[in-house]
Amino acid sequence: MKDYYAILEIPRTSSDNEIKHAYRKLAFKYHPDKNPGQEKEAEEKFKEINEAYRVLGDPAKRRNYDLERSQLFRPMTPIFNPGYPFTTYPFTTSVGVNGINFGGTNIRMRFYTWHT
C-alpha cells in the first residue's frame, strides 16, 4: 500500500487546506510541461501526486485510507484457539484405530453413532 502522505510530503495530521496546498505545489513542480527533458519521470511522479490527492482530498476516502493503514500494521490475533497445538478444542476428541489419531470429531456425533 502506497504512503500517500509521504508522496505529498505532509504529516498525517494535515488539514484539508494543507493537503490542497501541498498538492498544488507538487503538481506545479512535477508537471511534465515544466520539466523538459525529463517528461517520463515527471509524468510518473505527477500521476502519483494526483492519485494521492484523489484519496486524501476526499474526506470519506481519506477516512477509509487511514483505517486501512491502521489495520495493516496491527498484530494478527488468533480467532479460534490461541493455544493450538498445545490445547484442544472443547467437545472434540481424537478418533482413530488402535490409538492412532486421525483428527477430532464432535463428541455428540460420536455419542449418537455409538448409541443408535
Protein backbone atom coordinates (compact mmCIF):
# COMPACT_ATOMS: atom_id res chain seq x y z
CA MET A 1 0.00 0.00 0.00
CA LYS A 2 1.38 3.36 -1.03
CA ASP A 3 2.00 6.04 1.58
CA TYR A 4 0.08 8.97 0.13
CA TYR A 5 1.17 11.27 2.94
CA ALA A 6 4.82 10.69 2.01
CA ILE A 7 4.06 11.25 -1.67
CA LEU A 8 2.54 14.65 -0.86
CA GLU A 9 5.31 15.28 1.71
CA ILE A 10 2.87 16.15 4.52
CA PRO A 11 2.27 14.81 8.04
CA ARG A 12 -0.71 12.58 8.77
CA THR A 13 -2.33 15.31 10.85
CA SER A 14 -2.57 17.75 7.93
CA SER A 15 -5.78 19.68 7.36
CA ASP A 16 -7.67 19.75 4.07
CA ASN A 17 -6.16 23.12 3.18
CA GLU A 18 -2.62 21.86 3.83
CA ILE A 19 -3.27 18.82 1.62
CA LYS A 20 -4.57 21.04 -1.18
CA HIS A 21 -1.61 23.41 -0.85
CA ALA A 22 0.91 20.53 -0.95
CA TYR A 23 -0.84 19.00 -3.95
CA ARG A 24 -0.80 22.23 -5.95
CA LYS A 25 2.84 22.91 -5.09
CA LEU A 26 3.99 19.42 -6.12
CA ALA A 27 1.72 19.27 -9.18
CA PHE A 28 3.23 22.51 -10.43
CA LYS A 29 6.75 21.30 -9.67
CA TYR A 30 6.36 17.90 -11.39
CA HIS A 31 4.09 18.85 -14.28
CA PRO A 32 5.51 17.27 -17.46
CA ASP A 33 5.43 20.60 -19.31
CA LYS A 34 7.59 22.21 -16.61
CA ASN A 35 10.31 19.54 -16.87
CA PRO A 36 11.70 19.47 -20.40
CA GLY A 37 13.98 16.51 -21.00
CA GLN A 38 12.54 14.60 -18.02
CA GLU A 39 8.97 14.17 -19.21
CA LYS A 40 8.79 10.46 -18.42
CA GLU A 41 9.92 10.74 -14.77
CA ALA A 42 7.86 13.88 -14.24
CA GLU A 43 4.76 12.21 -15.69
CA GLU A 44 5.11 9.22 -13.34
CA LYS A 45 5.57 11.48 -10.31
CA PHE A 46 2.67 13.67 -11.47
CA LYS A 47 0.39 10.59 -11.68
CA GLU A 48 1.41 9.52 -8.16
CA ILE A 49 0.67 13.00 -6.82
CA ASN A 50 -2.76 13.02 -8.49
CA GLU A 51 -3.57 9.58 -7.09
CA ALA A 52 -2.55 10.67 -3.60
CA TYR A 53 -4.66 13.82 -3.84
CA ARG A 54 -7.70 11.88 -5.12
CA VAL A 55 -7.60 9.79 -1.95
CA LEU A 56 -6.54 12.37 0.63
CA GLY A 57 -8.54 15.24 -0.86
CA ASP A 58 -11.86 13.44 -0.35
CA PRO A 59 -12.76 13.17 3.38
CA ALA A 60 -14.55 9.80 3.02
CA LYS A 61 -11.73 8.23 1.00
CA ARG A 62 -9.18 9.65 3.44
CA ARG A 63 -11.01 8.08 6.41
CA ASN A 64 -11.05 4.70 4.65
CA TYR A 65 -7.38 5.01 3.75
CA ASP A 66 -6.40 5.91 7.32
CA LEU A 67 -8.46 3.00 8.64
CA GLU A 68 -6.84 0.55 6.23
CA ARG A 69 -3.37 1.85 7.14
CA SER A 70 -4.07 1.44 10.86
CA GLN A 71 -5.36 -2.12 10.33
CA LEU A 72 -2.38 -3.01 8.16
CA PHE A 73 0.15 -2.84 10.99
CA ARG A 74 -1.94 -4.37 13.79
CA PRO A 75 -0.73 -7.72 15.05
CA MET A 76 -2.93 -10.60 13.99
CA THR A 77 -4.85 -12.27 16.78
CA PRO A 78 -5.86 -15.90 16.65
CA ILE A 79 -9.56 -16.35 16.01
CA PHE A 80 -10.26 -19.84 17.29
CA ASN A 81 -7.73 -21.24 19.71
CA PRO A 82 -4.71 -19.22 20.77
CA GLY A 83 -3.04 -22.22 22.40
CA TYR A 84 -3.16 -24.52 19.38
CA PRO A 85 -1.49 -27.06 19.06
CA PHE A 86 -0.91 -27.28 22.82
CA THR A 87 -4.57 -27.24 23.80
CA THR A 88 -7.64 -28.94 22.39
CA TYR A 89 -10.95 -27.50 21.32
CA PRO A 90 -13.91 -28.12 23.61
CA PHE A 91 -16.09 -31.10 22.74
CA THR A 92 -13.56 -32.71 20.45
CA THR A 93 -11.65 -35.88 20.92
CA SER A 94 -9.15 -37.92 18.99
CA VAL A 95 -10.63 -40.75 16.98
CA GLY A 96 -8.61 -43.50 15.41
CA VAL A 97 -7.82 -47.14 15.18
CA ASN A 98 -5.69 -48.66 17.95
CA GLY A 99 -4.98 -45.24 19.45
CA ILE A 100 -3.76 -43.59 16.23
CA ASN A 101 -5.00 -40.03 15.98
CA PHE A 102 -6.90 -39.23 12.76
CA GLY A 103 -8.26 -35.84 13.88
CA GLY A 104 -11.06 -34.56 16.07
CA THR A 105 -14.78 -35.11 15.75
CA ASN A 106 -17.76 -33.72 17.55
CA ILE A 107 -18.40 -35.70 20.74
CA ARG A 108 -22.18 -35.52 20.21
CA MET A 109 -21.77 -37.15 16.81
CA ARG A 110 -19.76 -39.95 18.39
CA PHE A 111 -22.39 -40.43 21.12
CA TYR A 112 -25.25 -40.72 18.65
CA THR A 113 -23.39 -43.08 16.32
CA TRP A 114 -22.39 -45.40 19.18
CA HIS A 115 -25.79 -45.49 20.89
CA THR A 116 -28.23 -45.75 17.99
